[in-house]
Amino acid sequence: MDPAHIKTVKTQRGFTYSYYWSPPTANKPTLFFAHGFPAGSYLWRNQVPFFQRLGYGLLIPDFLGYGATDKPTDTSVYTGSGHSADIVDMLDAEGVEKVVAISHDWGIHPGSRLINYHPRRVSACVFLAGGYQPPLPEGQDRVSQHKATKAQLGYDAFAYMRFFIQPDAAKVIEKNIDSFISLVYPTTTSLWMDTLCVEGGARLFVESGKITELPAYITPEDKEHFKHAFLSTGMSARLCWYRAMAEQVLAKDDAKILSTPAAYIHQPLLFVACTADPLSVPSAGDSVHAKYAKGPVTRRELVGAGHWGAEEQAGEFNAILLEWLEGLGVEG
């Protein structure tokens, strides 16, 4: 992503954000891409040239803990209402009234709260792999509900989170960074079933220092980017997103909109399911959209894709997104 397009803004909460900005042309809408863990805005590297060339506006931040954005380790600031307010500050800085919000992984939480708290700023929304995240009461998060998840799926899909929230997790990961990258980007998701989805499996794999072959969609240059990004800024702030969930920071913040009309989505929604993702299983997204989506819902699949659909099947994802955007007829 061209460094010439990187900008910064200090939000009303006092945090400095770094983001990629390319203005729209010919009345095209602006696409807001929300990344998750651990890649940061680099996750969307295959979408930037494709949609920028077509004239779409692009606003792609590094969220708290990532890139050149501030990296607080106080979990109390990692709230949905706070993140959505920060997003609005970025939009205002560029004079953007509305966006198509495209979210993946942890980016789905701020992407969802942008819809909840600032619905007039979102013309349509896209959820990749995971579905919309509605506000949930305390004790209903993925860390707390591991037994229910195992009963439902037959395996503990979020066992790895209990490693990520441990006080020494950042140091363990930084010490064994090549092993961590191998864990995050496996050639097949069967590795995740034996590690991420097993109690203690993620820690055991990382601490062992085991290094496996990376998939073809992660180039040697990508790996070097990740190593530099993870080690130069550290992993502590990145992991705060998990800790905030486990400490009920998110749930206490969500109480403001729990069981209110704001929890529902009225904008057009595109759900791009990844059929081989053992973490964000498509049926979970389908269920939540059936309950909370009050506007039109379009469902597409990246067949055979694991969790990293925007990277693994970048061309297919771009084509799906473009076709849907053109069908919407949304202008900037």
C-alpha atoms as a PDB file:
ATOM      1  CA  MET A   1       0.000   0.000   0.000  1.00  0.00           C
ATOM      2  CA  ASP A   2       1.468   3.313  -1.137  1.00  0.00           C
ATOM      3  CA  PRO A   3       2.905   5.227   1.858  1.00  0.00           C
ATOM      4  CA  ALA A   4       1.903   8.467   0.111  1.00  0.00           C
ATOM      5  CA  HIS A   5      -1.711   7.632   0.941  1.00  0.00           C
ATOM      6  CA  ILE A   6      -1.102   7.194   4.683  1.00  0.00           C
ATOM      7  CA  LYS A   7      -2.598   9.906   6.879  1.00  0.00           C
ATOM      8  CA  THR A   8      -3.082  10.458  10.603  1.00  0.00           C
ATOM      9  CA  VAL A   9      -5.733  12.043  12.772  1.00  0.00           C
ATOM     10  CA  LYS A  10      -6.091  12.618  16.485  1.00  0.00           C
ATOM     11  CA  THR A  11      -9.559  11.552  17.570  1.00  0.00           C
ATOM     12  CA  GLN A  12     -11.724  13.205  20.183  1.00  0.00           C
ATOM     13  CA  ARG A  13     -10.773  10.401  22.562  1.00  0.00           C
ATOM     14  CA  GLY A  14      -7.175  11.578  22.265  1.00  0.00           C
ATOM     15  CA  PHE A  15      -5.802   8.697  20.185  1.00  0.00           C
ATOM     16  CA  THR A  16      -3.719   9.139  17.068  1.00  0.00           C
ATOM     17  CA  TYR A  17      -4.822   6.876  14.241  1.00  0.00           C
ATOM     18  CA  SER A  18      -2.975   6.027  11.060  1.00  0.00           C
ATOM     19  CA  TYR A  19      -5.067   5.168   8.016  1.00  0.00           C
ATOM     20  CA  TYR A  20      -4.890   4.688   4.273  1.00  0.00           C
ATOM     21  CA  TRP A  21      -6.933   7.246   2.363  1.00  0.00           C
ATOM     22  CA  SER A  22      -7.718   7.395  -1.332  1.00  0.00           C
ATOM     23  CA  PRO A  23     -10.604   9.710  -2.303  1.00  0.00           C
ATOM     24  CA  PRO A  24     -13.374   8.460  -4.600  1.00  0.00           C
ATOM     25  CA  THR A  25     -13.807   9.523  -8.192  1.00  0.00           C
ATOM     26  CA  ALA A  26     -16.866   9.787 -10.442  1.00  0.00           C
ATOM     27  CA  ASN A  27     -19.370   9.645  -7.563  1.00  0.00           C
ATOM     28  CA  LYS A  28     -18.136   6.261  -6.394  1.00  0.00           C
ATOM     29  CA  PRO A  29     -18.834   5.376  -2.749  1.00  0.00           C
ATOM     30  CA  THR A  30     -16.115   5.164  -0.130  1.00  0.00           C
ATOM     31  CA  LEU A  31     -15.278   1.710   1.186  1.00  0.00           C
ATOM     32  CA  PHE A  32     -14.282   1.452   4.835  1.00  0.00           C
ATOM     33  CA  PHE A  33     -12.239  -1.695   5.472  1.00  0.00           C
ATOM     34  CA  ALA A  34     -12.007  -2.886   9.097  1.00  0.00           C
ATOM     35  CA  HIS A  35      -9.223  -5.366   9.833  1.00  0.00           C
ATOM     36  CA  GLY A  36      -8.854  -7.897  12.611  1.00  0.00           C
ATOM     37  CA  PHE A  37      -6.057  -9.777  14.379  1.00  0.00           C
ATOM     38  CA  PRO A  38      -3.142  -9.926  13.779  1.00  0.00           C
ATOM     39  CA  ALA A  39      -2.382  -8.413  10.347  1.00  0.00           C
ATOM     40  CA  GLY A  40      -3.699  -4.873  10.722  1.00  0.00           C
ATOM     41  CA  SER A  41      -4.627  -2.870   7.643  1.00  0.00           C
ATOM     42  CA  TYR A  42      -2.151  -4.966   5.637  1.00  0.00           C
ATOM     43  CA  LEU A  43      -4.896  -7.597   5.526  1.00  0.00           C
ATOM     44  CA  TRP A  44      -6.556  -5.610   2.738  1.00  0.00           C
ATOM     45  CA  ARG A  45      -3.452  -5.255   0.530  1.00  0.00           C
ATOM     46  CA  ASN A  46      -5.093  -7.223  -2.295  1.00  0.00           C
ATOM     47  CA  GLN A  47      -8.240  -5.107  -2.263  1.00  0.00           C
ATOM     48  CA  VAL A  48      -6.546  -1.697  -2.376  1.00  0.00           C
ATOM     49  CA  PRO A  49      -5.208  -1.689  -5.965  1.00  0.00           C
ATOM     50  CA  PHE A  50      -8.321  -3.399  -7.325  1.00  0.00           C
ATOM     51  CA  PHE A  51     -10.894  -0.973  -5.943  1.00  0.00           C
ATOM     52  CA  GLN A  52      -8.694   2.117  -6.104  1.00  0.00           C
ATOM     53  CA  ARG A  53      -8.192   1.548  -9.823  1.00  0.00           C
ATOM     54  CA  LEU A  54     -11.984   1.472 -10.243  1.00  0.00           C
ATOM     55  CA  GLY A  55     -12.371   4.829  -8.507  1.00  0.00           C
ATOM     56  CA  TYR A  56     -13.798   3.716  -5.190  1.00  0.00           C
ATOM     57  CA  GLY A  57     -12.836   5.752  -2.164  1.00  0.00           C
ATOM     58  CA  LEU A  58     -10.792   3.797   0.372  1.00  0.00           C
ATOM     59  CA  LEU A  59     -10.425   4.498   4.072  1.00  0.00           C
ATOM     60  CA  ILE A  60      -8.508   1.727   5.817  1.00  0.00           C
ATOM     61  CA  PRO A  61      -7.319   2.340   9.368  1.00  0.00           C
ATOM     62  CA  ASP A  62      -4.933   0.546  11.617  1.00  0.00           C
ATOM     63  CA  PHE A  63      -6.991   0.164  14.767  1.00  0.00           C
ATOM     64  CA  LEU A  64      -5.637   0.669  18.279  1.00  0.00           C
ATOM     65  CA  GLY A  65      -2.613  -1.549  18.815  1.00  0.00           C
ATOM     66  CA  TYR A  66      -1.595  -1.698  15.159  1.00  0.00           C
ATOM     67  CA  GLY A  67       0.814   0.016  12.776  1.00  0.00           C
ATOM     68  CA  ALA A  68       1.489   3.681  13.515  1.00  0.00           C
ATOM     69  CA  THR A  69      -1.762   4.031  15.471  1.00  0.00           C
ATOM     70  CA  ASP A  70      -1.538   4.461  19.249  1.00  0.00           C
ATOM     71  CA  LYS A  71      -1.105   1.308  21.319  1.00  0.00           C
ATOM     72  CA  PRO A  72      -2.753   1.705  24.721  1.00  0.00           C
ATOM     73  CA  THR A  73      -2.652  -1.304  27.036  1.00  0.00           C
ATOM     74  CA  ASP A  74      -5.566  -0.136  29.171  1.00  0.00           C
ATOM     75  CA  THR A  75      -8.341  -2.499  28.106  1.00  0.00           C
ATOM     76  CA  SER A  76     -11.039  -0.041  29.190  1.00  0.00           C
ATOM     77  CA  VAL A  77     -10.540   1.983  25.990  1.00  0.00           C
ATOM     78  CA  TYR A  78     -11.149  -0.975  23.673  1.00  0.00           C
ATOM     79  CA  THR A  79     -14.904  -0.476  23.490  1.00  0.00           C
ATOM     80  CA  GLY A  80     -17.310  -0.631  20.594  1.00  0.00           C
ATOM     81  CA  SER A  81     -18.714   2.810  21.298  1.00  0.00           C
ATOM     82  CA  GLY A  82     -15.203   4.234  21.516  1.00  0.00           C
ATOM     83  CA  HIS A  83     -13.959   2.594  18.352  1.00  0.00           C
ATOM     84  CA  SER A  84     -17.025   3.679  16.397  1.00  0.00           C
ATOM     85  CA  ALA A  85     -16.534   7.268  17.569  1.00  0.00           C
ATOM     86  CA  ASP A  86     -12.908   7.093  16.424  1.00  0.00           C
ATOM     87  CA  ILE A  87     -14.067   5.892  13.009  1.00  0.00           C
ATOM     88  CA  VAL A  88     -16.462   8.825  12.708  1.00  0.00           C
ATOM     89  CA  ASP A  89     -13.591  11.186  13.507  1.00  0.00           C
ATOM     90  CA  MET A  90     -11.625   9.687  10.609  1.00  0.00           C
ATOM     91  CA  LEU A  91     -14.598  10.052   8.281  1.00  0.00           C
ATOM     92  CA  ASP A  92     -15.072  13.659   9.347  1.00  0.00           C
ATOM     93  CA  ALA A  93     -11.387  14.393   8.817  1.00  0.00           C
ATOM     94  CA  GLU A  94     -11.776  13.401   5.158  1.00  0.00           C
ATOM     95  CA  GLY A  95     -15.226  14.883   4.651  1.00  0.00           C
ATOM     96  CA  VAL A  96     -16.824  11.477   4.118  1.00  0.00           C
ATOM     97  CA  GLU A  97     -20.513  11.394   4.974  1.00  0.00           C
ATOM     98  CA  LYS A  98     -21.242   7.708   4.366  1.00  0.00           C
ATOM     99  CA  VAL A  99     -19.291   4.514   3.789  1.00  0.00           C
ATOM    100  CA  VAL A 100     -19.807   0.928   2.841  1.00  0.00           C
ATOM    101  CA  ALA A 101     -18.405  -0.790   5.941  1.00  0.00           C
ATOM    102  CA  ILE A 102     -16.472  -3.991   5.189  1.00  0.00           C
ATOM    103  CA  SER A 103     -15.349  -5.983   8.218  1.00  0.00           C
ATOM    104  CA  HIS A 104     -13.421  -9.152   9.032  1.00  0.00           C
ATOM    105  CA  ASP A 105     -12.392 -10.938  12.236  1.00  0.00           C
ATOM    106  CA  TRP A 106     -11.967  -8.443  15.117  1.00  0.00           C
ATOM    107  CA  GLY A 107     -12.805  -5.650  12.698  1.00  0.00           C
ATOM    108  CA  ILE A 108     -16.376  -6.916  12.792  1.00  0.00           C
ATOM    109  CA  HIS A 109     -16.833  -5.544  16.302  1.00  0.00           C
ATOM    110  CA  PRO A 110     -16.077  -1.866  15.497  1.00  0.00           C
ATOM    111  CA  GLY A 111     -17.741  -2.339  12.117  1.00  0.00           C
ATOM    112  CA  SER A 112     -20.900  -3.554  13.825  1.00  0.00           C
ATOM    113  CA  ARG A 113     -20.865  -0.786  16.403  1.00  0.00           C
ATOM    114  CA  LEU A 114     -20.454   1.832  13.689  1.00  0.00           C
ATOM    115  CA  ILE A 115     -23.791   0.614  12.344  1.00  0.00           C
ATOM    116  CA  ASN A 116     -25.362   0.582  15.814  1.00  0.00           C
ATOM    117  CA  TYR A 117     -24.199   3.990  17.019  1.00  0.00           C
ATOM    118  CA  HIS A 118     -23.877   5.881  13.744  1.00  0.00           C
ATOM    119  CA  PRO A 119     -26.294   4.249  11.267  1.00  0.00           C
ATOM    120  CA  ARG A 120     -26.520   7.382   9.118  1.00  0.00           C
ATOM    121  CA  ARG A 121     -22.825   7.070   8.312  1.00  0.00           C
ATOM    122  CA  VAL A 122     -23.217   3.554   6.844  1.00  0.00           C
ATOM    123  CA  SER A 123     -24.948   3.042   3.498  1.00  0.00           C
ATOM    124  CA  ALA A 124     -24.339  -0.729   3.382  1.00  0.00           C
ATOM    125  CA  CYS A 125     -22.267  -3.344   5.179  1.00  0.00           C
ATOM    126  CA  VAL A 126     -20.192  -6.413   4.391  1.00  0.00           C
ATOM    127  CA  PHE A 127     -19.104  -9.151   6.766  1.00  0.00           C
ATOM    128  CA  LEU A 128     -16.364 -11.541   5.662  1.00  0.00           C
ATOM    129  CA  ALA A 129     -16.086 -14.992   7.297  1.00  0.00           C
ATOM    130  CA  GLY A 130     -17.764 -13.962  10.553  1.00  0.00           C
ATOM    131  CA  GLY A 131     -21.197 -12.400  10.682  1.00  0.00           C
ATOM    132  CA  TYR A 132     -22.507  -9.267  12.347  1.00  0.00           C
ATOM    133  CA  GLN A 133     -21.744  -9.078  16.069  1.00  0.00           C
ATOM    134  CA  PRO A 134     -24.815  -7.991  18.033  1.00  0.00           C
ATOM    135  CA  PRO A 135     -24.485  -6.536  21.526  1.00  0.00           C
ATOM    136  CA  LEU A 136     -24.369  -9.341  24.076  1.00  0.00           C
ATOM    137  CA  PRO A 137     -24.898  -9.391  27.852  1.00  0.00           C
ATOM    138  CA  GLU A 138     -22.068 -10.090  30.260  1.00  0.00           C
ATOM    139  CA  GLY A 139     -20.880 -13.677  30.282  1.00  0.00           C
ATOM    140  CA  GLN A 140     -21.993 -14.399  26.712  1.00  0.00           C
ATOM    141  CA  ASP A 141     -18.640 -13.742  25.052  1.00  0.00           C
ATOM    142  CA  ARG A 142     -16.571 -16.354  23.247  1.00  0.00           C
ATOM    143  CA  VAL A 143     -14.145 -16.850  26.120  1.00  0.00           C
ATOM    144  CA  SER A 144     -16.881 -17.378  28.700  1.00  0.00           C
ATOM    145  CA  GLN A 145     -19.038 -19.560  26.461  1.00  0.00           C
ATOM    146  CA  HIS A 146     -16.421 -22.143  25.466  1.00  0.00           C
ATOM    147  CA  LYS A 147     -18.419 -25.057  26.862  1.00  0.00           C
ATOM    148  CA  ALA A 148     -21.518 -24.023  24.940  1.00  0.00           C
ATOM    149  CA  THR A 149     -19.451 -23.578  21.782  1.00  0.00           C
ATOM    150  CA  LYS A 150     -17.980 -27.058  22.141  1.00  0.00           C
ATOM    151  CA  ALA A 151     -21.420 -28.547  22.697  1.00  0.00           C
ATOM    152  CA  GLN A 152     -22.745 -26.810  19.599  1.00  0.00           C
ATOM    153  CA  LEU A 153     -19.858 -27.412  17.190  1.00  0.00           C
ATOM    154  CA  GLY A 154     -18.304 -30.535  18.639  1.00  0.00           C
ATOM    155  CA  TYR A 155     -15.003 -28.751  19.247  1.00  0.00           C
ATOM    156  CA  ASP A 156     -13.689 -25.765  21.231  1.00  0.00           C
ATOM    157  CA  ALA A 157     -13.437 -23.226  18.404  1.00  0.00           C
ATOM    158  CA  PHE A 158     -12.090 -20.441  20.616  1.00  0.00           C
ATOM    159  CA  ALA A 159      -9.715 -22.352  22.901  1.00  0.00           C
ATOM    160  CA  TYR A 160      -6.807 -20.257  21.612  1.00  0.00           C
ATOM    161  CA  MET A 161      -8.344 -17.130  23.104  1.00  0.00           C
ATOM    162  CA  ARG A 162      -7.607 -18.431  26.587  1.00  0.00           C
ATOM    163  CA  PHE A 163      -3.925 -18.373  25.652  1.00  0.00           C
ATOM    164  CA  PHE A 164      -4.109 -14.908  24.124  1.00  0.00           C
ATOM    165  CA  ILE A 165      -5.507 -13.371  27.331  1.00  0.00           C
ATOM    166  CA  GLN A 166      -2.712 -14.726  29.543  1.00  0.00           C
ATOM    167  CA  PRO A 167      -0.252 -12.141  30.967  1.00  0.00           C
ATOM    168  CA  ASP A 168       2.731 -13.760  29.237  1.00  0.00           C
ATOM    169  CA  ALA A 169       1.096 -14.349  25.852  1.00  0.00           C
ATOM    170  CA  ALA A 170       2.728 -11.371  24.129  1.00  0.00           C
ATOM    171  CA  LYS A 171       6.223 -12.358  25.262  1.00  0.00           C
ATOM    172  CA  VAL A 172       5.700 -15.989  24.277  1.00  0.00           C
ATOM    173  CA  ILE A 173       4.568 -14.944  20.806  1.00  0.00           C
ATOM    174  CA  GLU A 174       7.363 -12.410  20.316  1.00  0.00           C
ATOM    175  CA  LYS A 175       9.979 -14.956  21.413  1.00  0.00           C
ATOM    176  CA  ASN A 176       8.663 -17.512  18.918  1.00  0.00           C
ATOM    177  CA  ILE A 177       7.465 -15.222  16.144  1.00  0.00           C
ATOM    178  CA  ASP A 178       8.127 -17.605  13.238  1.00  0.00           C
ATOM    179  CA  SER A 179       6.161 -20.321  14.973  1.00  0.00           C
ATOM    180  CA  PHE A 180       3.312 -17.896  15.644  1.00  0.00           C
ATOM    181  CA  ILE A 181       3.152 -16.923  11.974  1.00  0.00           C
ATOM    182  CA  SER A 182       3.083 -20.618  11.035  1.00  0.00           C
ATOM    183  CA  LEU A 183       0.187 -21.104  13.426  1.00  0.00           C
ATOM    184  CA  VAL A 184      -1.795 -18.139  12.127  1.00  0.00           C
ATOM    185  CA  TYR A 185      -1.259 -18.994   8.457  1.00  0.00           C
ATOM    186  CA  PRO A 186      -1.446 -22.789   8.028  1.00  0.00           C
ATOM    187  CA  THR A 187      -1.501 -24.534   4.664  1.00  0.00           C
ATOM    188  CA  THR A 188      -4.652 -26.352   5.777  1.00  0.00           C
ATOM    189  CA  THR A 189      -7.110 -25.534   8.541  1.00  0.00           C
ATOM    190  CA  SER A 190      -6.651 -29.031   9.969  1.00  0.00           C
ATOM    191  CA  LEU A 191      -3.701 -27.554  11.865  1.00  0.00           C
ATOM    192  CA  TRP A 192      -6.122 -25.217  13.626  1.00  0.00           C
ATOM    193  CA  MET A 193      -8.319 -28.114  14.687  1.00  0.00           C
ATOM    194  CA  ASP A 194      -5.272 -29.617  16.424  1.00  0.00           C
ATOM    195  CA  THR A 195      -4.022 -26.361  17.959  1.00  0.00           C
ATOM    196  CA  LEU A 196      -6.326 -23.331  18.109  1.00  0.00           C
ATOM    197  CA  CYS A 197      -9.343 -25.503  18.857  1.00  0.00           C
ATOM    198  CA  VAL A 198      -7.696 -27.591  21.600  1.00  0.00           C
ATOM    199  CA  GLU A 199      -7.145 -26.469  25.187  1.00  0.00           C
ATOM    200  CA  GLY A 200      -3.492 -25.450  25.459  1.00  0.00           C
ATOM    201  CA  GLY A 201      -2.836 -26.305  21.824  1.00  0.00           C
ATOM    202  CA  ALA A 202      -1.964 -22.802  20.635  1.00  0.00           C
ATOM    203  CA  ARG A 203       0.517 -22.185  23.439  1.00  0.00           C
ATOM    204  CA  LEU A 204       2.097 -25.608  22.972  1.00  0.00           C
ATOM    205  CA  PHE A 205       2.595 -25.046  19.252  1.00  0.00           C
ATOM    206  CA  VAL A 206       4.076 -21.564  19.638  1.00  0.00           C
ATOM    207  CA  GLU A 207       6.345 -22.451  22.560  1.00  0.00           C
ATOM    208  CA  SER A 208       7.644 -25.502  20.695  1.00  0.00           C
ATOM    209  CA  GLY A 209       9.123 -23.212  18.066  1.00  0.00           C
ATOM    210  CA  LYS A 210       7.666 -25.364  15.325  1.00  0.00           C
ATOM    211  CA  ILE A 211       7.780 -23.815  11.859  1.00  0.00           C
ATOM    212  CA  THR A 212       5.633 -25.092   9.015  1.00  0.00           C
ATOM    213  CA  GLU A 213       5.294 -24.240   5.352  1.00  0.00           C
ATOM    214  CA  LEU A 214       3.207 -21.157   4.672  1.00  0.00           C
ATOM    215  CA  PRO A 215       0.353 -21.166   2.155  1.00  0.00           C
ATOM    216  CA  ALA A 216       0.951 -19.803  -1.332  1.00  0.00           C
ATOM    217  CA  TYR A 217      -1.055 -16.650  -0.638  1.00  0.00           C
ATOM    218  CA  ILE A 218       1.479 -15.594   2.016  1.00  0.00           C
ATOM    219  CA  THR A 219       4.613 -14.583   0.140  1.00  0.00           C
ATOM    220  CA  PRO A 220       8.104 -14.316   1.648  1.00  0.00           C
ATOM    221  CA  GLU A 221       7.610 -10.541   1.534  1.00  0.00           C
ATOM    222  CA  ASP A 222       4.360 -10.897   3.464  1.00  0.00           C
ATOM    223  CA  LYS A 223       6.079 -12.958   6.140  1.00  0.00           C
ATOM    224  CA  GLU A 224       8.840 -10.391   6.532  1.00  0.00           C
ATOM    225  CA  HIS A 225       6.227  -7.653   6.802  1.00  0.00           C
ATOM    226  CA  PHE A 226       4.453  -9.555   9.573  1.00  0.00           C
ATOM    227  CA  LYS A 227       7.656 -10.262  11.483  1.00  0.00           C
ATOM    228  CA  HIS A 228       8.677  -6.621  11.397  1.00  0.00           C
ATOM    229  CA  ALA A 229       5.190  -5.391  12.301  1.00  0.00           C
ATOM    230  CA  PHE A 230       4.754  -7.811  15.197  1.00  0.00           C
ATOM    231  CA  LEU A 231       8.212  -7.339  16.683  1.00  0.00           C
ATOM    232  CA  SER A 232       8.737  -3.619  16.103  1.00  0.00           C
ATOM    233  CA  THR A 233       5.590  -2.619  17.990  1.00  0.00           C
ATOM    234  CA  GLY A 234       5.044  -5.717  20.121  1.00  0.00           C
ATOM    235  CA  MET A 235       1.957  -7.842  20.608  1.00  0.00           C
ATOM    236  CA  SER A 236       0.648  -6.534  23.943  1.00  0.00           C
ATOM    237  CA  ALA A 237      -1.763  -3.924  22.594  1.00  0.00           C
ATOM    238  CA  ARG A 238      -2.978  -6.218  19.819  1.00  0.00           C
ATOM    239  CA  LEU A 239      -3.958  -8.789  22.430  1.00  0.00           C
ATOM    240  CA  CYS A 240      -5.894  -6.166  24.410  1.00  0.00           C
ATOM    241  CA  TRP A 241      -8.845  -6.802  22.107  1.00  0.00           C
ATOM    242  CA  TYR A 242      -9.114 -10.324  23.512  1.00  0.00           C
ATOM    243  CA  ARG A 243      -8.531  -9.207  27.086  1.00  0.00           C
ATOM    244  CA  ALA A 244     -11.213  -6.525  26.800  1.00  0.00           C
ATOM    245  CA  MET A 245     -13.688  -9.196  25.796  1.00  0.00           C
ATOM    246  CA  ALA A 246     -12.681 -11.590  28.574  1.00  0.00           C
ATOM    247  CA  GLU A 247     -12.780  -8.795  31.170  1.00  0.00           C
ATOM    248  CA  GLN A 248     -16.345  -7.941  30.082  1.00  0.00           C
ATOM    249  CA  VAL A 249     -15.305  -4.468  28.919  1.00  0.00           C
ATOM    250  CA  LEU A 250     -17.138  -5.015  25.642  1.00  0.00           C
ATOM    251  CA  ALA A 251     -20.272  -6.388  27.263  1.00  0.00           C
ATOM    252  CA  LYS A 252     -20.523  -3.562  29.792  1.00  0.00           C
ATOM    253  CA  ASP A 253     -20.184  -1.060  26.975  1.00  0.00           C
ATOM    254  CA  ASP A 254     -22.704  -2.947  24.838  1.00  0.00           C
ATOM    255  CA  ALA A 255     -25.262  -2.711  27.641  1.00  0.00           C
ATOM    256  CA  LYS A 256     -26.076   0.769  26.329  1.00  0.00           C
ATOM    257  CA  ILE A 257     -27.651  -0.707  23.191  1.00  0.00           C
ATOM    258  CA  LEU A 258     -28.564  -4.205  24.357  1.00  0.00           C
ATOM    259  CA  SER A 259     -32.169  -5.061  23.448  1.00  0.00           C
ATOM    260  CA  THR A 260     -32.724  -1.680  21.777  1.00  0.00           C
ATOM    261  CA  PRO A 261     -33.669  -0.846  18.172  1.00  0.00           C
ATOM    262  CA  ALA A 262     -30.049   0.204  17.615  1.00  0.00           C
ATOM    263  CA  ALA A 263     -28.999  -3.452  17.749  1.00  0.00           C
ATOM    264  CA  TYR A 264     -30.654  -4.187  14.408  1.00  0.00           C
ATOM    265  CA  ILE A 265     -29.314  -3.609  10.894  1.00  0.00           C
ATOM    266  CA  HIS A 266     -31.485  -1.938   8.274  1.00  0.00           C
ATOM    267  CA  GLN A 267     -28.834  -1.334   5.622  1.00  0.00           C
ATOM    268  CA  PRO A 268     -28.202  -3.774   2.756  1.00  0.00           C
ATOM    269  CA  LEU A 269     -25.915  -6.538   4.030  1.00  0.00           C
ATOM    270  CA  LEU A 270     -23.516  -8.831   2.201  1.00  0.00           C
ATOM    271  CA  PHE A 271     -22.289 -11.914   4.041  1.00  0.00           C
ATOM    272  CA  VAL A 272     -19.310 -13.640   2.426  1.00  0.00           C
ATOM    273  CA  ALA A 273     -18.962 -17.013   4.125  1.00  0.00           C
ATOM    274  CA  CYS A 274     -15.714 -18.987   4.085  1.00  0.00           C
ATOM    275  CA  THR A 275     -16.793 -22.606   3.889  1.00  0.00           C
ATOM    276  CA  ALA A 276     -13.621 -24.151   5.368  1.00  0.00           C
ATOM    277  CA  ASP A 277     -13.263 -21.759   8.311  1.00  0.00           C
ATOM    278  CA  PRO A 278     -13.430 -23.689  11.611  1.00  0.00           C
ATOM    279  CA  LEU A 279     -13.491 -20.510  13.708  1.00  0.00           C
ATOM    280  CA  SER A 280     -16.124 -18.361  12.007  1.00  0.00           C
ATOM    281  CA  VAL A 281     -18.487 -21.090  10.860  1.00  0.00           C
ATOM    282  CA  PRO A 282     -20.962 -19.878   8.223  1.00  0.00           C
ATOM    283  CA  SER A 283     -24.021 -21.159  10.085  1.00  0.00           C
ATOM    284  CA  ALA A 284     -23.291 -18.792  12.976  1.00  0.00           C
ATOM    285  CA  GLY A 285     -23.379 -15.796  10.663  1.00  0.00           C
ATOM    286  CA  ASP A 286     -26.549 -17.060   9.022  1.00  0.00           C
ATOM    287  CA  SER A 287     -28.287 -17.352  12.385  1.00  0.00           C
ATOM    288  CA  VAL A 288     -27.409 -13.885  13.596  1.00  0.00           C
ATOM    289  CA  HIS A 289     -28.404 -12.280  10.302  1.00  0.00           C
ATOM    290  CA  ALA A 290     -31.754 -14.054  10.370  1.00  0.00           C
ATOM    291  CA  LYS A 291     -32.412 -12.397  13.723  1.00  0.00           C
ATOM    292  CA  TYR A 292     -30.858  -8.948  13.405  1.00  0.00           C
ATOM    293  CA  ALA A 293     -30.816  -8.013   9.711  1.00  0.00           C
ATOM    294  CA  LYS A 294     -34.016  -6.159   8.818  1.00  0.00           C
ATOM    295  CA  GLY A 295     -32.842  -4.995   5.401  1.00  0.00           C
ATOM    296  CA  PRO A 296     -31.898  -7.039   2.329  1.00  0.00           C
ATOM    297  CA  VAL A 297     -29.312  -9.775   2.918  1.00  0.00           C
ATOM    298  CA  THR A 298     -27.108 -11.228   0.192  1.00  0.00           C
ATOM    299  CA  ARG A 299     -25.101 -14.369   0.927  1.00  0.00           C
ATOM    300  CA  ARG A 300     -22.105 -15.514  -1.071  1.00  0.00           C
ATOM    301  CA  GLU A 301     -19.460 -18.160  -0.426  1.00  0.00           C
ATOM    302  CA  LEU A 302     -15.729 -18.499  -0.879  1.00  0.00           C
ATOM    303  CA  VAL A 303     -15.802 -22.253  -1.361  1.00  0.00           C
ATOM    304  CA  GLY A 304     -12.896 -24.024   0.300  1.00  0.00           C
ATOM    305  CA  ALA A 305     -11.547 -20.837   1.868  1.00  0.00           C
ATOM    306  CA  GLY A 306     -10.378 -20.780   5.445  1.00  0.00           C
ATOM    307  CA  HIS A 307     -10.484 -17.776   7.751  1.00  0.00           C
ATOM    308  CA  TRP A 308      -8.340 -15.494   5.582  1.00  0.00           C
ATOM    309  CA  GLY A 309     -10.640 -15.252   2.578  1.00  0.00           C
ATOM    310  CA  ALA A 310      -9.509 -11.763   1.506  1.00  0.00           C
ATOM    311  CA  GLU A 311      -5.987 -13.144   1.101  1.00  0.00           C
ATOM    312  CA  GLU A 312      -6.560 -16.795   0.191  1.00  0.00           C
ATOM    313  CA  GLN A 313      -9.154 -16.079  -2.496  1.00  0.00           C
ATOM    314  CA  ALA A 314      -8.522 -12.390  -3.113  1.00  0.00           C
ATOM    315  CA  GLY A 315      -9.694 -12.435  -6.712  1.00  0.00           C
ATOM    316  CA  GLU A 316     -12.920 -14.228  -5.890  1.00  0.00           C
ATOM    317  CA  PHE A 317     -13.637 -11.952  -2.944  1.00  0.00           C
ATOM    318  CA  ASN A 318     -12.981  -8.817  -4.985  1.00  0.00           C
ATOM    319  CA  ALA A 319     -15.303 -10.055  -7.728  1.00  0.00           C
ATOM    320  CA  ILE A 320     -18.102 -10.858  -5.262  1.00  0.00           C
ATOM    321  CA  LEU A 321     -17.771  -7.490  -3.569  1.00  0.00           C
ATOM    322  CA  LEU A 322     -17.660  -5.568  -6.843  1.00  0.00           C
ATOM    323  CA  GLU A 323     -20.728  -7.310  -8.262  1.00  0.00           C
ATOM    324  CA  TRP A 324     -22.683  -6.565  -5.095  1.00  0.00           C
ATOM    325  CA  LEU A 325     -21.551  -2.939  -4.980  1.00  0.00           C
ATOM    326  CA  GLU A 326     -22.537  -2.370  -8.590  1.00  0.00           C
ATOM    327  CA  GLY A 327     -25.940  -3.893  -7.898  1.00  0.00           C
ATOM    328  CA  LEU A 328     -26.509  -1.524  -4.987  1.00  0.00           C
ATOM    329  CA  GLY A 329     -26.064   1.587  -7.073  1.00  0.00           C
ATOM    330  CA  VAL A 330     -24.717   3.488  -4.055  1.00  0.00           C
ATOM    331  CA  GLU A 331     -22.976   6.744  -4.883  1.00  0.00           C
ATOM    332  CA  GLY A 332     -20.522   8.818  -2.913  1.00  0.00           C
END
